Amino acid sequence: MVSLSNVRLGASNDDVRTVQRALIAQGRAIPDGPTGFFGPQTRAAYRAEQLAQGFTGADADGIPGYASLSALGRRAGFTVDRPDTVSVTGNGRLTLSQVTYDDPHDEAGLEAMRRYALKACELTDMDPVYGVPALVTITKRESAYNDPQWRVNLNDVNARGRTAPDGHPQNCSRGATQCIPSTFAAYHQAGTATTPYDVVADMCATVNYVRDRYHVNPSGSNFAARVQQADPHRRPHGY
């Protein structure tokens, strides 16, 4: 068992040593070996591991997150400890007036959704083994993998309210997972964009919502079981 809180820059402990040994076993270079100290060499090695897992840019910063460390642990034979309770609100609740409606024109398609879902799992402390396929399934059914044609739903019962800055009724479902703005605001993930058109922000709000509404557990192991729309083996169903 490795505690995520112990594996941080500047730390010196046995959990760091365990992670160092795992990184070395994966071919990541740590010239000084498993010293137990998380310094620049370990950060560089961890960044190489993040890149190999598919993280890019600022997400591959060499600082362990739950998703990437758990993935490394599955290959190295250790599990990752974290608090038993995960906030279902995302600690970033917005007022409806704080929701913005600009479209960053994030990528569409299956592979893009997998990358965005991986980041959303990292930010919400959900195991990507469960979270990624569930979120990707939702985006397939709700927006055809964030296809621009389906980023706003103008046809369901939510399509009402005053006109928002994007030119559509405020209460319309939006984004890859089709959040209505009030739900997006209530379950907004701290540190993510304030527009539901941002795929990662939209996915994070969805994770926080299903944890609260459907009692999806912190790891997400019951995500598909609790949310039919996330289960590719059952017919589509609103959530």
Foldseek 3Di string as FASTA:
>chain_A
DAELVQQFAQHADVSQLLVQVLLVVVVQDQPVHSRRHRYPSQLSSQLVQCVVVPDDDPRSRSRDFLQSVQVSCVVSVDHYDDDQDFQLQQVQAADLVLAAADAPCQDFDQVSLLNLQSVLCRLRVAHSVQRRLLSSLLLCVQAVRLDVVRQWDCPDPQQADDQHPVRGHQQIQGASNGDGSNLLNRRFRPPDDRYRNPHNRVSNSVSSVCCVPQVQGSHNPCVCVRQVSSPPVHDHDDD
